[in-house]
């Protein structure tokens, strides 16, 4: 790996600080505003609207911080608890709820993995599919003797030349810059989480479809 010079390191540092600060400001500002409204809200029915929004934005900020911590330890982080059978069908249903993404079929078996890590990785795949697809995505499952795979197929209207670079930390391609905010760490984090459990995440383009495959060991 080529060492970065002082100017390049300064650019990367400033870029990361700017993007992280911008991304965290949005949910934290929303949390503060909702909390202030909640204090002054006289109506119990209004509380039922404000409190879920408050929790949702607090969780968004928490997830951003989790992603940064995973990214910082992406080559060294290892789970301390043992892997266990995971129902990928149930996790996919949770991740795709309230989205236009269609889920086809169900996995024939369970994965051997860490449930929270898989859920985190799936959330990133679903977010990417929603943000960058030009039509609703489809999720299906593939099985073989040793693995279970979640396949996310996302329609796009042109070739994505920088697709493989999306696994580089803090990389944000042309579509990301022009269409959606983000840290540029979703796919690297998702791949790292899969690899911690002995699986992998791959991505490629087949004609007008981007195909992401999250593969995990099959539970015996």
Protein backbone atom coordinates (compact mmCIF):
# COMPACT_ATOMS: atom_id res chain seq x y z
CA UNK A 1 0.00 0.00 0.00
CA UNK A 2 1.41 3.40 -0.98
CA UNK A 3 1.85 5.81 1.93
CA UNK A 4 -0.05 9.07 1.66
CA UNK A 5 1.89 12.31 1.74
CA UNK A 6 1.15 15.08 4.28
CA UNK A 7 -1.11 16.99 1.89
CA UNK A 8 -3.11 13.89 0.98
CA UNK A 9 -3.46 12.91 4.65
CA UNK A 10 -4.67 16.39 5.51
CA UNK A 11 -7.21 16.24 2.69
CA UNK A 12 -8.52 12.85 3.85
CA UNK A 13 -8.69 14.02 7.47
CA UNK A 14 -10.54 17.22 6.58
CA UNK A 15 -12.91 15.32 4.29
CA UNK A 16 -13.77 12.75 6.95
CA UNK A 17 -14.30 15.39 9.64
CA UNK A 18 -16.50 17.44 7.32
CA UNK A 19 -18.65 14.51 6.19
CA UNK A 20 -18.99 12.98 9.67
CA UNK A 21 -19.87 16.34 11.21
CA UNK A 22 -22.46 17.02 8.53
CA UNK A 23 -24.04 13.58 8.81
CA UNK A 24 -24.27 13.66 12.61
CA UNK A 25 -25.60 17.22 12.73
CA UNK A 26 -28.86 16.27 10.97
CA UNK A 27 -30.16 13.62 13.43
CA UNK A 28 -28.79 15.44 16.48
CA UNK A 29 -30.42 18.72 15.47
CA UNK A 30 -33.67 16.85 14.87
CA UNK A 31 -33.43 15.15 18.27
CA UNK A 32 -32.93 18.49 20.00
CA UNK A 33 -35.84 20.08 18.13
CA UNK A 34 -38.17 17.19 18.88
CA UNK A 35 -37.17 17.19 22.55
CA UNK A 36 -37.95 20.91 22.80
CA UNK A 37 -41.34 20.37 21.14
CA UNK A 38 -42.05 17.49 23.49
CA UNK A 39 -41.44 19.64 26.56
CA UNK A 40 -43.95 22.25 25.37
CA UNK A 41 -46.46 19.91 23.74
CA UNK A 42 -49.77 20.06 25.66
CA UNK A 43 -51.46 17.26 23.74
CA UNK A 44 -50.91 13.60 24.58
CA UNK A 45 -51.68 12.65 20.98
CA UNK A 46 -48.80 14.87 19.86
CA UNK A 47 -46.52 12.94 22.21
CA UNK A 48 -47.38 9.76 20.31
CA UNK A 49 -46.02 11.37 17.14
CA UNK A 50 -42.97 13.09 18.61
CA UNK A 51 -41.60 10.26 20.75
CA UNK A 52 -41.20 7.69 17.89
CA UNK A 53 -39.54 10.38 15.74
CA UNK A 54 -37.22 11.22 18.62
CA UNK A 55 -36.24 7.58 19.09
CA UNK A 56 -35.81 7.04 15.34
CA UNK A 57 -33.38 9.96 14.96
CA UNK A 58 -31.46 9.01 18.12
CA UNK A 59 -31.00 5.52 16.66
CA UNK A 60 -29.83 7.03 13.37
CA UNK A 61 -27.11 8.97 15.19
CA UNK A 62 -26.21 5.85 17.18
CA UNK A 63 -25.90 3.82 13.98
CA UNK A 64 -23.62 6.43 12.41
CA UNK A 65 -21.34 6.20 15.43
CA UNK A 66 -21.44 2.38 15.33
CA UNK A 67 -20.41 2.47 11.67
CA UNK A 68 -17.49 4.75 12.44
CA UNK A 69 -16.29 2.45 15.22
CA UNK A 70 -16.56 -0.60 12.96
CA UNK A 71 -14.73 1.28 10.20
CA UNK A 72 -11.94 2.24 12.61
CA UNK A 73 -11.41 -1.43 13.53
CA UNK A 74 -12.39 -2.92 10.19
CA UNK A 75 -9.32 -5.17 9.95
CA UNK A 76 -9.13 -6.17 13.62
CA UNK A 77 -12.66 -6.29 15.04
CA UNK A 78 -13.87 -9.74 16.04
CA UNK A 79 -17.05 -10.78 17.88
CA UNK A 80 -16.51 -12.22 21.35
CA UNK A 81 -19.71 -14.28 21.56
CA UNK A 82 -20.25 -17.44 19.49
CA UNK A 83 -22.23 -17.44 16.25
CA UNK A 84 -25.71 -18.96 16.32
CA UNK A 85 -28.39 -19.97 13.78
CA UNK A 86 -29.95 -16.87 12.21
CA UNK A 87 -33.23 -16.71 10.28
CA UNK A 88 -32.25 -14.57 7.28
CA UNK A 89 -35.83 -14.49 6.03
CA UNK A 90 -37.02 -12.80 9.23
CA UNK A 91 -34.14 -10.30 9.19
CA UNK A 92 -34.78 -9.41 5.54
CA UNK A 93 -38.46 -8.90 6.34
CA UNK A 94 -37.52 -6.51 9.16
CA UNK A 95 -35.02 -4.57 7.01
CA UNK A 96 -37.40 -4.19 4.06
CA UNK A 97 -40.52 -3.34 6.08
CA UNK A 98 -42.04 0.01 5.01
CA UNK A 99 -40.01 -0.02 1.77
CA UNK A 100 -41.10 -0.77 -1.81
CA UNK A 101 -38.54 -3.59 -2.00
CA UNK A 102 -40.08 -6.95 -2.95
CA UNK A 103 -38.93 -10.13 -1.19
CA UNK A 104 -39.17 -13.35 -3.21
CA UNK A 105 -39.19 -16.74 -1.53
CA UNK A 106 -37.41 -17.70 1.68
CA UNK A 107 -34.05 -19.26 2.56
CA UNK A 108 -34.04 -23.04 2.77
CA UNK A 109 -31.96 -22.98 5.95
CA UNK A 110 -30.50 -20.78 8.66
CA UNK A 111 -27.17 -18.96 8.57
CA UNK A 112 -24.54 -19.43 11.27
CA UNK A 113 -23.72 -15.86 12.25
CA UNK A 114 -24.26 -13.03 14.73
CA UNK A 115 -27.82 -11.74 14.41
CA UNK A 116 -27.14 -8.06 15.16
CA UNK A 117 -24.20 -7.94 12.74
CA UNK A 118 -26.26 -9.49 9.93
CA UNK A 119 -29.17 -7.11 10.60
CA UNK A 120 -26.75 -4.17 10.46
CA UNK A 121 -25.29 -5.36 7.15
CA UNK A 122 -28.74 -5.93 5.64
CA UNK A 123 -29.85 -2.44 6.67
CA UNK A 124 -26.95 -0.99 4.69
CA UNK A 125 -27.81 -3.06 1.60
CA UNK A 126 -31.45 -1.99 1.79
CA UNK A 127 -30.48 1.67 2.27
CA UNK A 128 -28.20 1.53 -0.77
CA UNK A 129 -30.87 -0.15 -2.87
CA UNK A 130 -33.43 2.50 -1.94
CA UNK A 131 -31.12 5.48 -2.43
CA UNK A 132 -29.40 4.56 -5.67
CA UNK A 133 -31.87 2.35 -7.53
CA UNK A 134 -33.87 3.73 -10.45
CA UNK A 135 -36.77 1.36 -9.66
CA UNK A 136 -37.75 -0.77 -6.64
CA UNK A 137 -35.27 -3.53 -5.84
CA UNK A 138 -35.90 -7.23 -5.33
CA UNK A 139 -34.48 -9.52 -2.65
CA UNK A 140 -34.22 -13.28 -3.14
CA UNK A 141 -32.27 -16.13 -1.57
CA UNK A 142 -29.76 -18.68 -2.80
CA UNK A 143 -28.74 -21.81 -0.90
CA UNK A 144 -26.13 -24.52 -1.24
CA UNK A 145 -24.69 -27.14 1.04
CA UNK A 146 -22.35 -24.78 2.86
CA UNK A 147 -23.85 -21.31 2.63
CA UNK A 148 -26.95 -19.16 2.53
CA UNK A 149 -26.99 -16.01 0.38
CA UNK A 150 -29.20 -12.92 0.34
CA UNK A 151 -29.28 -11.47 -3.20
CA UNK A 152 -30.33 -7.83 -3.63
CA UNK A 153 -31.05 -6.85 -7.25
CA UNK A 154 -31.31 -3.12 -7.92
CA UNK A 155 -32.32 -1.69 -11.33
CA UNK A 156 -30.13 1.17 -12.61
CA UNK A 157 -30.33 3.18 -15.81
CA UNK A 158 -26.62 3.27 -16.70
CA UNK A 159 -23.32 1.50 -16.07
CA UNK A 160 -21.64 2.27 -12.74
CA UNK A 161 -17.93 2.53 -13.49
CA UNK A 162 -16.91 3.02 -9.84
CA UNK A 163 -18.90 0.12 -8.39
CA UNK A 164 -15.99 -1.86 -6.93
CA UNK A 165 -14.56 1.29 -5.34
CA UNK A 166 -17.68 1.40 -3.15
CA UNK A 167 -15.91 -1.06 -0.83
CA UNK A 168 -13.24 1.58 -0.09
CA UNK A 169 -13.81 3.43 3.18
CA UNK A 170 -15.28 6.93 2.73
CA UNK A 171 -15.55 6.51 -1.04
CA UNK A 172 -18.69 8.07 -2.49
CA UNK A 173 -19.29 7.57 -6.20
CA UNK A 174 -20.91 9.93 -8.65
CA UNK A 175 -24.45 8.77 -7.88
CA UNK A 176 -23.87 9.10 -4.14
CA UNK A 177 -22.57 12.64 -4.48
CA UNK A 178 -25.41 13.78 -6.69
CA UNK A 179 -28.33 11.83 -5.24
CA UNK A 180 -27.85 11.06 -1.57
CA UNK A 181 -25.94 12.02 1.54
CA UNK A 182 -23.81 9.52 3.41
CA UNK A 183 -20.46 8.68 4.91
CA UNK A 184 -19.38 6.27 2.19
CA UNK A 185 -18.82 3.47 4.71
CA UNK A 186 -22.03 1.43 4.37
CA UNK A 187 -20.74 -1.27 2.01
CA UNK A 188 -17.27 -1.58 3.60
CA UNK A 189 -18.95 -1.98 7.00
CA UNK A 190 -21.44 -4.53 5.64
CA UNK A 191 -18.63 -6.56 4.04
CA UNK A 192 -16.55 -6.43 7.24
CA UNK A 193 -19.50 -7.67 9.29
CA UNK A 194 -20.08 -10.55 6.86
CA UNK A 195 -16.40 -11.50 6.86
CA UNK A 196 -16.32 -11.56 10.67
CA UNK A 197 -18.72 -14.50 10.44
CA UNK A 198 -16.77 -16.27 7.70
CA UNK A 199 -18.96 -14.91 4.91
CA UNK A 200 -18.56 -12.18 2.33
CA UNK A 201 -20.35 -9.42 0.43
CA UNK A 202 -19.84 -9.02 -3.31
CA UNK A 203 -21.33 -6.55 -5.76
CA UNK A 204 -21.43 -6.42 -9.54
CA UNK A 205 -23.50 -5.18 -12.45
CA UNK A 206 -25.40 -7.44 -14.81
CA UNK A 207 -26.77 -5.26 -17.62
CA UNK A 208 -29.18 -2.81 -16.07
CA UNK A 209 -29.13 -4.46 -12.65
CA UNK A 210 -26.70 -4.08 -9.74
CA UNK A 211 -26.47 -7.40 -7.89
CA UNK A 212 -25.27 -7.55 -4.29
CA UNK A 213 -24.72 -10.96 -2.64
CA UNK A 214 -24.42 -11.28 1.12
CA UNK A 215 -23.19 -14.84 1.74
CA UNK A 216 -22.94 -16.46 5.17
CA UNK A 217 -22.05 -19.97 6.39
CA UNK A 218 -24.99 -22.33 6.64
CA UNK A 219 -26.00 -23.58 10.10
CA UNK A 220 -25.66 -27.35 10.29
